N, C-alpha and C. Protein backbone atom coordinates (compact mmCIF):
# COMPACT_ATOMS: atom_id res chain seq x y z
N MET A 1 1.03 -1.63 -0.28
CA MET A 1 -0.04 0.15 0.21
C MET A 1 0.73 1.31 0.23
N ARG A 2 2.11 1.30 0.54
CA ARG A 2 2.55 2.44 0.64
C ARG A 2 3.36 2.95 -0.44
N PHE A 3 3.71 2.04 -1.36
CA PHE A 3 4.85 1.90 -3.13
C PHE A 3 3.31 2.53 -3.47
N ILE A 4 1.98 1.85 -3.54
CA ILE A 4 0.65 2.60 -4.29
C ILE A 4 0.91 3.63 -3.56
N CYS A 5 0.53 3.96 -2.64
CA CYS A 5 0.43 5.42 -2.69
C CYS A 5 1.56 6.62 -3.36
N LEU A 6 2.81 6.32 -3.34
CA LEU A 6 4.22 6.89 -3.50
C LEU A 6 3.75 6.90 -4.97
N PHE A 7 3.41 6.09 -5.73
CA PHE A 7 3.00 6.33 -7.12
C PHE A 7 2.14 7.16 -7.75
N ILE A 8 1.28 6.90 -6.67
CA ILE A 8 0.28 7.61 -7.61
C ILE A 8 0.55 9.62 -7.13
N TRP A 9 1.21 9.62 -6.09
CA TRP A 9 1.79 11.18 -5.03
C TRP A 9 2.42 11.03 -6.72
N LEU A 10 3.74 10.69 -6.85
CA LEU A 10 4.86 11.45 -7.97
C LEU A 10 3.94 11.45 -8.97
N TRP A 11 3.00 10.54 -9.96
CA TRP A 11 2.08 10.71 -11.37
C TRP A 11 1.52 12.33 -11.02
N VAL A 12 0.83 12.49 -9.94
CA VAL A 12 -0.13 13.49 -9.58
C VAL A 12 0.83 14.73 -9.34
N ILE A 13 2.45 14.52 -9.27
CA ILE A 13 2.88 15.95 -9.15
C ILE A 13 3.42 15.97 -10.66
N GLY A 14 4.02 15.30 -11.27
CA GLY A 14 4.23 15.17 -12.60
C GLY A 14 2.80 15.45 -13.41
N ALA A 15 2.14 14.96 -13.29
CA ALA A 15 0.80 15.88 -14.01
C ALA A 15 0.65 17.14 -14.21
N THR A 16 0.92 17.55 -12.85
CA THR A 16 0.44 19.00 -12.51
C THR A 16 1.70 19.87 -12.62
N ALA A 17 2.80 19.71 -12.66
CA ALA A 17 3.95 20.16 -12.97
C ALA A 17 4.10 21.30 -13.61
N GLN A 18 3.35 22.56 -13.87
CA GLN A 18 3.65 23.93 -14.88
C GLN A 18 3.10 23.10 -16.38
N GLY A 19 3.06 22.24 -16.53
CA GLY A 19 2.14 22.09 -17.80
C GLY A 19 3.80 21.54 -18.56
N GLN A 20 3.03 20.51 -19.26
CA GLN A 20 4.23 19.75 -20.35
C GLN A 20 5.16 20.87 -21.31
N GLN A 21 5.70 20.72 -21.39
CA GLN A 21 7.17 21.86 -21.94
C GLN A 21 7.72 20.81 -23.24
N LYS A 22 8.41 19.93 -22.71
CA LYS A 22 8.70 18.48 -23.68
C LYS A 22 8.69 17.57 -23.95
N GLU A 23 8.81 17.05 -25.32
CA GLU A 23 8.84 15.42 -25.57
C GLU A 23 10.48 14.54 -25.97
N LEU A 24 11.37 13.82 -25.21
CA LEU A 24 11.84 13.54 -26.55
C LEU A 24 11.70 11.61 -26.75
N VAL A 25 11.89 11.37 -27.49
CA VAL A 25 12.04 10.05 -28.03
C VAL A 25 13.09 9.55 -28.79
N GLY A 26 13.15 8.66 -28.45
CA GLY A 26 14.81 7.71 -29.17
C GLY A 26 14.97 6.57 -28.55
N ILE A 27 16.30 5.77 -28.45
CA ILE A 27 16.99 5.03 -28.29
C ILE A 27 18.07 4.87 -26.94
N GLN A 28 17.77 3.63 -26.36
CA GLN A 28 18.34 3.28 -24.86
C GLN A 28 18.48 2.21 -25.01
N PHE A 29 20.27 2.62 -24.88
CA PHE A 29 21.23 1.34 -24.58
C PHE A 29 21.64 0.91 -22.61
N ASP A 30 21.55 -0.13 -22.71
CA ASP A 30 21.83 0.03 -21.29
C ASP A 30 22.21 -1.52 -20.37
N TYR A 31 23.41 -1.62 -19.66
CA TYR A 31 24.03 -2.38 -19.19
C TYR A 31 24.01 -2.66 -17.55
N ALA A 32 23.16 -3.50 -17.33
CA ALA A 32 22.76 -3.29 -15.70
C ALA A 32 22.79 -4.97 -15.52
N LYS A 33 22.48 -5.35 -13.94
CA LYS A 33 22.28 -6.48 -13.72
C LYS A 33 21.01 -6.67 -13.77
N THR A 34 20.32 -7.66 -14.11
CA THR A 34 19.12 -8.43 -13.91
C THR A 34 19.12 -9.79 -13.07
N ILE A 35 17.66 -10.62 -13.36
CA ILE A 35 17.88 -11.19 -12.57
C ILE A 35 18.36 -12.60 -12.59
N ASP A 36 19.17 -12.75 -13.88
CA ASP A 36 19.93 -13.74 -14.28
C ASP A 36 21.72 -12.71 -14.88
N GLY A 37 21.98 -12.59 -13.99
CA GLY A 37 23.06 -11.60 -14.12
C GLY A 37 22.79 -10.17 -14.61
N TYR A 38 24.43 -9.86 -14.94
CA TYR A 38 24.27 -8.63 -16.10
C TYR A 38 24.28 -9.39 -17.96
N GLN A 39 23.37 -7.99 -17.92
CA GLN A 39 22.62 -8.20 -19.23
C GLN A 39 22.85 -6.63 -20.19
N PRO A 40 23.15 -6.92 -21.45
CA PRO A 40 22.68 -5.47 -22.08
C PRO A 40 21.39 -5.87 -22.53
N GLY A 41 21.20 -4.68 -23.17
CA GLY A 41 19.58 -3.85 -23.47
C GLY A 41 19.81 -3.04 -23.90
N VAL A 42 18.64 -3.23 -25.39
CA VAL A 42 18.22 -1.75 -26.08
C VAL A 42 16.84 -1.82 -26.35
N GLY A 43 16.41 -0.07 -26.68
CA GLY A 43 14.76 -0.40 -26.78
C GLY A 43 14.32 0.96 -26.91
N PRO A 44 13.13 0.75 -27.01
CA PRO A 44 12.86 2.85 -27.26
C PRO A 44 12.19 3.52 -26.53
N SER A 45 12.25 4.73 -26.19
CA SER A 45 12.61 4.91 -24.78
C SER A 45 11.61 6.74 -25.38
N LEU A 46 10.74 6.81 -23.64
CA LEU A 46 9.93 7.65 -24.31
C LEU A 46 9.94 8.48 -23.23
N GLU A 47 10.41 9.63 -23.05
CA GLU A 47 10.45 11.09 -22.14
C GLU A 47 9.70 12.15 -21.98
N ALA A 48 9.20 12.90 -21.11
CA ALA A 48 8.13 14.12 -21.03
C ALA A 48 8.54 14.73 -20.18
N TRP A 49 9.19 16.01 -20.17
CA TRP A 49 9.59 17.20 -19.25
C TRP A 49 7.76 17.90 -19.14
N PHE A 50 7.97 18.31 -17.78
CA PHE A 50 7.40 18.78 -16.63
C PHE A 50 8.04 20.27 -16.22
N GLY A 51 7.85 21.44 -16.95
CA GLY A 51 8.58 22.44 -16.39
C GLY A 51 9.51 22.68 -16.56
N ASP A 52 10.34 23.20 -15.45
CA ASP A 52 12.02 23.45 -15.54
C ASP A 52 13.18 22.11 -15.55
N HIS A 53 12.12 21.32 -13.93
CA HIS A 53 13.12 20.30 -13.59
C HIS A 53 12.41 18.98 -13.80
N PHE A 54 11.16 18.88 -13.76
CA PHE A 54 10.84 17.58 -13.33
C PHE A 54 10.47 16.75 -14.74
N SER A 55 10.72 15.51 -14.78
CA SER A 55 10.82 14.61 -15.90
C SER A 55 10.08 13.33 -15.78
N VAL A 56 9.42 12.47 -16.78
CA VAL A 56 9.04 11.26 -16.57
C VAL A 56 9.72 10.42 -17.79
N ARG A 57 9.82 9.32 -17.54
CA ARG A 57 10.16 8.48 -18.88
C ARG A 57 9.72 6.64 -18.88
N TYR A 58 9.80 6.49 -19.96
CA TYR A 58 8.88 5.38 -20.06
C TYR A 58 9.45 4.33 -20.99
N SER A 59 10.27 2.96 -20.96
CA SER A 59 11.83 2.32 -21.69
C SER A 59 11.30 0.87 -22.17
N PHE A 60 11.58 0.83 -22.90
CA PHE A 60 11.60 -0.94 -23.09
C PHE A 60 12.72 -1.35 -23.37
N LEU A 61 13.17 -2.63 -23.07
CA LEU A 61 14.87 -2.88 -23.18
C LEU A 61 14.22 -4.23 -23.28
N TYR A 62 14.93 -4.60 -24.51
CA TYR A 62 14.80 -6.05 -24.93
C TYR A 62 16.73 -6.67 -25.09
N ALA A 63 17.06 -7.78 -24.45
CA ALA A 63 18.06 -8.59 -25.42
C ALA A 63 18.14 -10.52 -25.51
N PRO A 64 18.40 -10.59 -26.64
CA PRO A 64 18.67 -11.90 -26.53
C PRO A 64 20.27 -12.54 -25.33
N THR A 65 19.50 -13.40 -24.79
CA THR A 65 20.81 -14.05 -23.43
C THR A 65 21.22 -15.23 -24.06
N GLY A 66 20.50 -15.84 -24.64
CA GLY A 66 21.16 -17.93 -25.67
C GLY A 66 19.92 -17.73 -26.77
N SER A 67 20.35 -18.62 -27.06
CA SER A 67 19.74 -19.37 -28.62
C SER A 67 17.96 -19.18 -28.52
N ASN A 68 18.07 -19.97 -26.89
CA ASN A 68 16.58 -20.10 -26.63
C ASN A 68 15.79 -19.27 -25.41
N GLU A 69 16.83 -17.93 -25.23
CA GLU A 69 16.28 -17.12 -24.05
C GLU A 69 16.30 -15.88 -24.45
N TYR A 70 15.69 -14.95 -23.49
CA TYR A 70 15.77 -13.87 -24.31
C TYR A 70 15.47 -12.79 -22.58
N TYR A 71 15.67 -11.41 -22.37
CA TYR A 71 15.26 -10.79 -21.80
C TYR A 71 14.58 -9.58 -21.90
N LEU A 72 13.65 -8.93 -21.05
CA LEU A 72 12.80 -7.94 -21.56
C LEU A 72 12.95 -7.22 -19.95
N TYR A 73 12.47 -5.75 -19.94
CA TYR A 73 12.78 -4.72 -19.00
C TYR A 73 12.01 -3.68 -19.84
N THR A 74 11.08 -3.67 -18.52
CA THR A 74 10.00 -1.70 -18.46
C THR A 74 9.51 -1.85 -17.39
N GLY A 75 9.14 -0.84 -16.97
CA GLY A 75 8.48 -0.23 -15.94
C GLY A 75 7.22 -1.43 -15.39
N GLY A 76 6.78 -1.06 -14.07
CA GLY A 76 5.76 -2.67 -13.72
C GLY A 76 4.40 -1.74 -13.96
N GLY A 77 4.33 -0.42 -14.56
CA GLY A 77 3.21 -0.11 -14.74
C GLY A 77 2.74 -0.16 -16.26
N GLN A 78 3.93 -0.56 -16.82
CA GLN A 78 3.20 -0.73 -18.12
C GLN A 78 3.23 -2.53 -18.15
N ALA A 79 3.84 -3.29 -17.57
CA ALA A 79 3.60 -4.39 -17.40
C ALA A 79 2.49 -5.19 -16.82
N ALA A 80 2.09 -4.48 -15.85
CA ALA A 80 0.43 -4.52 -15.29
C ALA A 80 0.03 -4.25 -16.32
N GLY A 81 0.07 -2.73 -17.08
CA GLY A 81 -1.23 -2.27 -17.56
C GLY A 81 -1.07 -3.30 -18.57
N PHE A 82 -0.29 -3.62 -19.32
CA PHE A 82 -0.77 -4.94 -20.06
C PHE A 82 -1.26 -6.06 -20.21
N TYR A 83 -0.80 -6.86 -18.80
CA TYR A 83 -1.45 -7.42 -18.14
C TYR A 83 -2.95 -7.77 -17.84
N LEU A 84 -3.48 -6.78 -17.77
CA LEU A 84 -4.74 -6.66 -17.21
C LEU A 84 -5.33 -6.46 -18.19
N ILE A 85 -5.30 -5.92 -19.66
CA ILE A 85 -5.82 -5.35 -20.64
C ILE A 85 -6.00 -6.59 -21.06
N ARG A 86 -5.19 -7.64 -21.38
CA ARG A 86 -5.26 -8.78 -21.94
C ARG A 86 -6.13 -9.69 -21.64
N ARG A 87 -6.02 -9.96 -20.54
CA ARG A 87 -6.83 -10.26 -19.41
C ARG A 87 -8.61 -10.02 -19.58
N ALA A 88 -8.60 -8.46 -19.44
CA ALA A 88 -9.82 -8.34 -19.50
C ALA A 88 -10.47 -8.95 -20.69
N ILE A 89 -9.30 -9.12 -21.86
CA ILE A 89 -9.96 -9.05 -23.59
C ILE A 89 -9.86 -10.72 -23.34
N ARG A 90 -9.92 -11.43 -22.97
CA ARG A 90 -9.10 -12.55 -22.99
C ARG A 90 -10.63 -13.49 -22.37
N LYS A 91 -11.19 -12.76 -20.98
CA LYS A 91 -12.22 -13.26 -20.46
C LYS A 91 -13.45 -12.93 -20.73
N ARG A 92 -13.39 -11.59 -21.58
CA ARG A 92 -14.28 -10.74 -21.70
C ARG A 92 -15.13 -10.48 -20.47
N SER A 93 -14.78 -10.51 -19.35
CA SER A 93 -15.39 -10.29 -18.47
C SER A 93 -14.81 -9.12 -17.18
N GLY A 94 -15.53 -8.60 -16.96
CA GLY A 94 -14.74 -7.15 -16.41
C GLY A 94 -14.11 -6.42 -17.00
N LEU A 95 -14.34 -6.17 -18.04
CA LEU A 95 -14.25 -5.48 -19.65
C LEU A 95 -13.98 -3.82 -18.85
N ASP A 96 -15.56 -3.81 -18.04
CA ASP A 96 -15.51 -2.39 -17.63
C ASP A 96 -14.51 -1.63 -16.46
N ILE A 97 -13.87 -2.51 -16.09
CA ILE A 97 -12.91 -2.64 -14.96
C ILE A 97 -11.31 -2.58 -15.26
N GLY A 98 -11.63 -4.21 -15.93
CA GLY A 98 -10.09 -4.30 -16.51
C GLY A 98 -9.25 -3.31 -17.82
N ILE A 99 -9.89 -2.73 -18.37
CA ILE A 99 -9.19 -1.80 -19.35
C ILE A 99 -9.12 -0.68 -19.03
N PRO A 100 -10.14 0.07 -17.81
CA PRO A 100 -9.50 1.23 -17.36
C PRO A 100 -8.48 1.34 -16.53
N LEU A 101 -8.33 0.31 -15.70
CA LEU A 101 -7.45 -0.11 -14.51
C LEU A 101 -6.55 -0.41 -15.39
N GLY A 102 -6.20 -1.00 -16.51
CA GLY A 102 -4.64 -1.27 -17.10
C GLY A 102 -5.04 -0.01 -17.69
N ILE A 103 -5.56 0.67 -18.29
CA ILE A 103 -4.79 2.21 -18.91
C ILE A 103 -3.70 2.72 -17.86
N ILE A 104 -4.92 2.72 -16.52
CA ILE A 104 -4.02 3.94 -15.43
C ILE A 104 -2.85 3.04 -15.28
N ALA A 105 -2.57 1.88 -14.60
CA ALA A 105 -1.61 1.40 -14.61
C ALA A 105 -0.39 1.49 -15.49
N PHE A 106 -0.91 1.27 -17.12
CA PHE A 106 0.18 1.72 -18.53
C PHE A 106 0.42 3.22 -18.18
N ALA A 107 0.04 3.88 -17.55
CA ALA A 107 0.44 5.68 -17.56
C ALA A 107 1.28 6.19 -16.52
N LEU A 108 1.46 4.97 -15.75
CA LEU A 108 2.39 5.20 -14.48
C LEU A 108 4.17 5.16 -15.22
N PRO A 109 4.85 6.36 -14.68
CA PRO A 109 5.94 6.36 -15.62
C PRO A 109 6.74 5.04 -14.45
N GLU A 110 7.70 4.81 -15.60
CA GLU A 110 8.94 3.85 -15.15
C GLU A 110 10.52 4.76 -14.47
N ARG A 111 10.07 5.88 -15.04
CA ARG A 111 11.18 6.87 -14.08
C ARG A 111 11.02 8.13 -13.73
N TYR A 112 11.55 8.61 -12.23
CA TYR A 112 11.12 9.88 -12.01
C TYR A 112 12.24 10.88 -12.37
N SER A 113 12.76 11.97 -12.90
CA SER A 113 13.85 12.60 -12.53
C SER A 113 13.66 14.13 -12.38
N PHE A 114 14.89 14.71 -11.34
CA PHE A 114 14.71 15.70 -11.16
C PHE A 114 16.12 16.43 -12.04
N ARG A 115 15.97 17.29 -12.78
CA ARG A 115 16.58 18.18 -13.48
C ARG A 115 17.51 19.07 -13.41
N ILE A 116 18.64 19.89 -13.53
CA ILE A 116 18.86 21.08 -12.57
C ILE A 116 19.78 21.63 -13.86
N PRO A 117 19.54 22.58 -14.50
CA PRO A 117 19.94 23.15 -15.49
C PRO A 117 21.56 23.45 -15.46
N LEU A 118 22.90 23.19 -16.00
CA LEU A 118 23.76 23.68 -16.03
C LEU A 118 24.62 24.61 -17.14
N ALA A 119 23.90 24.28 -18.24
CA ALA A 119 24.15 25.42 -19.11
C ALA A 119 23.02 25.38 -20.34
N ASN A 120 22.55 26.20 -20.85
CA ASN A 120 21.94 26.23 -22.04
C ASN A 120 21.91 25.11 -23.07
N ASN A 121 22.88 23.98 -22.80
CA ASN A 121 22.98 22.70 -23.61
C ASN A 121 23.46 22.36 -22.96
N SER A 122 22.93 21.94 -21.47
CA SER A 122 23.32 20.45 -20.60
C SER A 122 22.95 20.33 -19.50
N GLN A 123 22.57 19.48 -18.97
CA GLN A 123 21.42 19.00 -17.97
C GLN A 123 21.87 17.94 -16.78
N LEU A 124 22.26 18.33 -15.77
CA LEU A 124 22.11 17.05 -14.95
C LEU A 124 20.78 16.55 -14.23
N ALA A 125 20.70 15.53 -14.03
CA ALA A 125 19.60 14.96 -13.62
C ALA A 125 19.66 13.81 -12.29
N PHE A 126 19.06 14.06 -11.51
CA PHE A 126 19.02 12.47 -10.49
C PHE A 126 17.69 11.74 -10.28
N PHE A 127 17.83 10.81 -11.13
CA PHE A 127 16.23 9.58 -11.22
C PHE A 127 15.69 9.08 -10.20
N PHE A 128 14.83 8.43 -10.17
CA PHE A 128 14.33 6.56 -9.62
C PHE A 128 13.32 6.17 -9.88
N GLU A 129 13.89 4.98 -10.26
CA GLU A 129 12.75 3.97 -10.87
C GLU A 129 12.54 3.04 -9.90
N PRO A 130 11.19 3.34 -9.21
CA PRO A 130 10.86 2.66 -7.91
C PRO A 130 10.14 1.01 -8.03
N TYR A 131 9.63 0.94 -9.45
CA TYR A 131 9.60 -0.63 -9.48
C TYR A 131 9.19 -0.80 -11.57
N GLY A 132 10.77 -1.41 -12.01
CA GLY A 132 10.93 -1.75 -12.89
C GLY A 132 10.55 -3.21 -12.67
N PHE A 133 10.54 -3.72 -13.92
CA PHE A 133 9.74 -4.96 -14.14
C PHE A 133 11.07 -5.82 -14.99
N GLU A 134 11.84 -6.86 -14.80
CA GLU A 134 12.55 -7.90 -15.17
C GLU A 134 11.77 -9.40 -15.65
N PHE A 135 11.91 -9.61 -16.64
CA PHE A 135 11.66 -11.00 -17.06
C PHE A 135 12.83 -11.54 -18.04
N ILE A 136 12.31 -12.62 -18.01
CA ILE A 136 13.55 -14.21 -18.56
C ILE A 136 12.70 -14.99 -18.82
N LYS A 137 12.46 -15.22 -20.05
CA LYS A 137 11.73 -16.70 -20.65
C LYS A 137 12.46 -17.46 -21.66
N HIS A 138 12.84 -18.86 -21.40
CA HIS A 138 13.59 -19.57 -22.24
C HIS A 138 12.23 -19.85 -23.49
N THR A 139 12.58 -20.15 -24.09
CA THR A 139 11.25 -20.67 -25.27
C THR A 139 11.58 -22.11 -25.91
N GLY A 140 12.69 -22.73 -25.40
CA GLY A 140 12.35 -23.89 -25.68
C GLY A 140 11.29 -24.57 -24.60
N THR A 141 11.87 -24.38 -23.21
CA THR A 141 11.30 -25.32 -22.64
C THR A 141 9.81 -24.54 -21.68
N GLY A 142 9.59 -23.21 -21.98
CA GLY A 142 8.57 -22.65 -21.94
C GLY A 142 8.22 -22.06 -20.28
N GLU A 143 10.17 -21.79 -19.92
CA GLU A 143 9.85 -21.84 -18.50
C GLU A 143 10.31 -19.81 -18.28
N GLU A 144 9.92 -19.42 -17.29
CA GLU A 144 10.42 -18.04 -17.32
C GLU A 144 10.25 -17.51 -15.79
N ASP A 145 10.85 -16.57 -16.03
CA ASP A 145 11.05 -15.77 -14.03
C ASP A 145 11.05 -14.34 -14.91
N HIS A 146 10.22 -13.57 -13.17
CA HIS A 146 10.07 -12.41 -13.12
C HIS A 146 10.01 -11.82 -12.07
N GLU A 147 10.91 -10.44 -12.14
CA GLU A 147 10.95 -9.68 -10.57
C GLU A 147 10.69 -8.41 -10.54
N ILE A 148 10.95 -7.66 -9.49
CA ILE A 148 10.59 -6.08 -9.92
C ILE A 148 11.98 -5.56 -8.97
N SER A 149 12.01 -4.75 -9.38
CA SER A 149 13.43 -3.97 -9.54
C SER A 149 13.39 -2.22 -9.09
N PHE A 150 14.43 -1.37 -8.62
CA PHE A 150 14.46 -0.87 -8.17
C PHE A 150 15.59 -0.27 -8.21
N GLU A 151 15.78 1.36 -8.95
CA GLU A 151 16.99 1.71 -9.41
C GLU A 151 17.14 3.92 -9.13
N ILE A 152 18.38 3.55 -8.63
CA ILE A 152 18.35 5.41 -8.45
C ILE A 152 20.15 5.43 -8.83
N GLY A 153 20.12 7.22 -9.38
CA GLY A 153 20.92 7.30 -10.33
C GLY A 153 20.68 8.40 -11.01
N CYS A 154 22.65 8.97 -11.62
CA CYS A 154 22.00 10.62 -12.30
C CYS A 154 22.12 10.02 -13.60
N SER A 155 21.60 11.19 -14.42
CA SER A 155 21.99 10.86 -15.67
C SER A 155 22.31 12.81 -16.43
N TYR A 156 23.07 12.93 -17.36
CA TYR A 156 23.66 14.13 -18.01
C TYR A 156 22.88 14.41 -19.09
N TYR A 157 22.23 15.29 -19.89
CA TYR A 157 21.50 15.48 -20.92
C TYR A 157 22.29 16.89 -21.48
N LEU A 158 22.79 16.42 -22.28
CA LEU A 158 23.87 17.07 -23.55
C LEU A 158 23.12 17.75 -24.79
N ALA A 159 22.73 18.91 -25.30
CA ALA A 159 22.00 19.01 -26.35
C ALA A 159 23.19 19.13 -27.35
N ALA A 160 22.85 18.01 -28.73
CA ALA A 160 24.11 18.13 -29.78
C ALA A 160 23.24 18.49 -30.66
N GLY A 161 22.69 19.34 -30.99
CA GLY A 161 21.67 20.01 -31.53
C GLY A 161 20.59 20.33 -31.29
N LYS A 162 19.86 21.39 -32.14
CA LYS A 162 18.79 21.52 -31.55
C LYS A 162 17.48 20.80 -30.77
N ARG A 163 17.61 19.50 -31.59
CA ARG A 163 16.50 18.67 -31.42
C ARG A 163 17.16 17.15 -30.91
N ILE A 164 18.40 17.38 -30.75
CA ILE A 164 19.21 16.20 -30.63
C ILE A 164 19.91 15.91 -29.29
N TYR A 165 19.54 14.78 -28.32
CA TYR A 165 20.19 14.77 -27.12
C TYR A 165 20.90 13.24 -26.85
N ILE A 166 22.13 13.85 -25.90
CA ILE A 166 22.86 12.34 -25.47
C ILE A 166 22.92 12.40 -24.31
N ILE A 167 22.06 11.18 -23.73
CA ILE A 167 21.81 11.60 -22.25
C ILE A 167 22.62 9.95 -22.08
N PRO A 168 23.67 9.88 -21.29
CA PRO A 168 24.65 8.85 -20.62
C PRO A 168 24.21 8.76 -18.87
N HIS A 169 23.90 7.72 -18.99
CA HIS A 169 23.27 7.55 -17.03
C HIS A 169 24.48 6.54 -16.57
N LEU A 170 23.67 6.63 -15.36
CA LEU A 170 24.58 5.53 -14.01
C LEU A 170 23.98 5.57 -13.06
N GLY A 171 23.51 4.03 -12.45
CA GLY A 171 22.44 4.12 -11.50
C GLY A 171 23.40 2.90 -10.83
N ILE A 172 22.48 2.50 -9.33
CA ILE A 172 22.93 1.33 -8.86
C ILE A 172 21.04 0.93 -8.70
N LYS A 173 21.16 -0.45 -9.40
CA LYS A 173 20.02 -1.28 -9.29
C LYS A 173 19.93 -2.55 -8.26
N GLN A 174 18.69 -2.37 -7.50
CA GLN A 174 18.77 -4.07 -6.80
C GLN A 174 17.24 -4.42 -7.28
N ILE A 175 17.42 -5.94 -7.21
CA ILE A 175 15.92 -6.77 -7.14
C ILE A 175 15.44 -6.49 -5.69
N TYR A 176 13.95 -6.30 -5.81
CA TYR A 176 13.50 -6.43 -4.42
C TYR A 176 13.73 -7.82 -3.74
N GLY A 177 14.08 -7.69 -2.51
CA GLY A 177 14.42 -9.29 -2.18
C GLY A 177 15.45 -9.58 -2.41
N ASP A 178 16.38 -8.74 -2.53
CA ASP A 178 17.65 -9.44 -3.13
C ASP A 178 18.91 -8.17 -2.40
N ASN A 179 20.06 -8.82 -1.63
CA ASN A 179 20.21 -7.79 -0.74
C ASN A 179 21.39 -7.45 -1.19
N ASN A 180 22.10 -7.90 -2.75
CA ASN A 180 22.95 -7.86 -3.56
C ASN A 180 22.99 -6.48 -4.55
N PRO A 181 23.32 -5.81 -4.46
CA PRO A 181 22.83 -4.76 -5.47
C PRO A 181 24.57 -4.46 -6.38
N GLY A 182 23.30 -4.28 -7.64
CA GLY A 182 24.66 -3.66 -8.61
C GLY A 182 24.73 -2.41 -9.61
N ILE A 183 24.77 -2.28 -10.52
CA ILE A 183 25.14 -1.37 -10.83
C ILE A 183 24.30 -1.01 -12.34
N SER A 184 24.34 0.13 -12.99
CA SER A 184 23.32 0.15 -14.09
C SER A 184 24.08 1.27 -14.67
N PHE A 185 24.25 0.96 -15.97
CA PHE A 185 24.90 2.11 -17.21
C PHE A 185 24.69 2.22 -18.38
N GLY A 186 25.12 3.09 -19.07
CA GLY A 186 24.41 3.16 -20.81
C GLY A 186 24.02 4.18 -20.60
N ALA A 187 23.27 5.00 -22.09
CA ALA A 187 23.37 5.81 -22.83
C ALA A 187 22.05 5.77 -23.53
N SER A 188 21.50 6.96 -23.41
CA SER A 188 20.20 7.00 -24.97
C SER A 188 20.78 8.31 -25.84
N VAL A 189 20.01 8.20 -27.21
CA VAL A 189 19.63 8.79 -28.43
C VAL A 189 18.88 9.49 -28.08
N MET A 190 18.22 10.54 -28.09
CA MET A 190 16.96 11.08 -27.99
C MET A 190 16.55 12.34 -29.06
N PHE A 191 15.69 12.33 -29.87
CA PHE A 191 15.42 13.51 -30.64
C PHE A 191 14.10 13.87 -29.91
N GLY A 192 14.23 15.47 -29.93
CA GLY A 192 13.08 16.38 -28.57
C GLY A 192 12.09 17.49 -29.35
N SER A 193 10.88 17.30 -29.09
CA SER A 193 10.08 18.24 -29.46
C SER A 193 9.82 19.27 -28.61
N GLY A 194 9.31 20.75 -29.22
CA GLY A 194 8.59 21.25 -28.18
C GLY A 194 9.41 22.78 -27.99
N LYS A 195 9.61 23.50 -26.59
CA LYS A 195 10.88 23.75 -26.13
C LYS A 195 12.01 24.00 -27.38
N SER A 196 12.70 24.28 -27.52
CA SER A 196 14.39 24.39 -27.86
C SER A 196 15.03 24.66 -26.98
N GLN A 197 16.24 23.76 -26.89
CA GLN A 197 17.39 23.44 -26.09
C GLN A 197 18.21 25.00 -25.92
N GLU A 198 18.02 25.75 -26.94
CA GLU A 198 18.70 27.09 -27.12
C GLU A 198 18.04 28.21 -26.26
N GLU A 199 16.69 27.97 -25.96
CA GLU A 199 16.35 29.02 -25.62
C GLU A 199 16.61 28.99 -24.12
N PRO A 200 16.50 29.96 -23.24
CA PRO A 200 17.12 30.55 -22.02
C PRO A 200 16.65 29.78 -21.01
N ILE A 201 17.47 28.95 -20.35
CA ILE A 201 16.26 28.04 -19.34
C ILE A 201 16.72 28.11 -18.01
N LYS A 202 15.60 28.35 -17.30
CA LYS A 202 15.08 29.26 -16.44
C LYS A 202 15.58 28.94 -15.13
N LYS A 203 16.73 29.16 -14.17
CA LYS A 203 17.05 28.71 -12.89
C LYS A 203 16.64 29.01 -11.86
């Protein structure tokens, strides 16, 4: 219950923080500790800026870990939303509740960031990912495993042009229930829309 209240509180802050200012979309590359050791991952990423400091992100990462095995990572909200919607459609019962609940869960961001402007073309951000969804499946045997993780870290936003951003990140990641945290690092190449980075940033 405490985690649910935290998620709702963070989402309300993001949705009301001075109005959405910019959207970024691109590719994220990651190398991190998972439920099966360290794995690379690559996939699409979407980020929305609210005001001058707050932003939220959604990511979906994929990596083949063997000839008959693959690893997936996304936000817990997206995983729960997909499950609820698919279950409601398959069972054809509870559609009035299942689909709206799935949409609400799907909208919960994977990452919450607080950005600090350093210059007109760079920012430093501290982020928190409270509920990452880790999933590994062996296609040959059908065996699968899934866990929930959390991560804290920092990222650096460098505007390489009017709409292009290079965003390296470094974090500490841990599976809930596991007492051995690991590291996560990587980078994103993002394309932005909305307010130009060359415009003065309020401090």
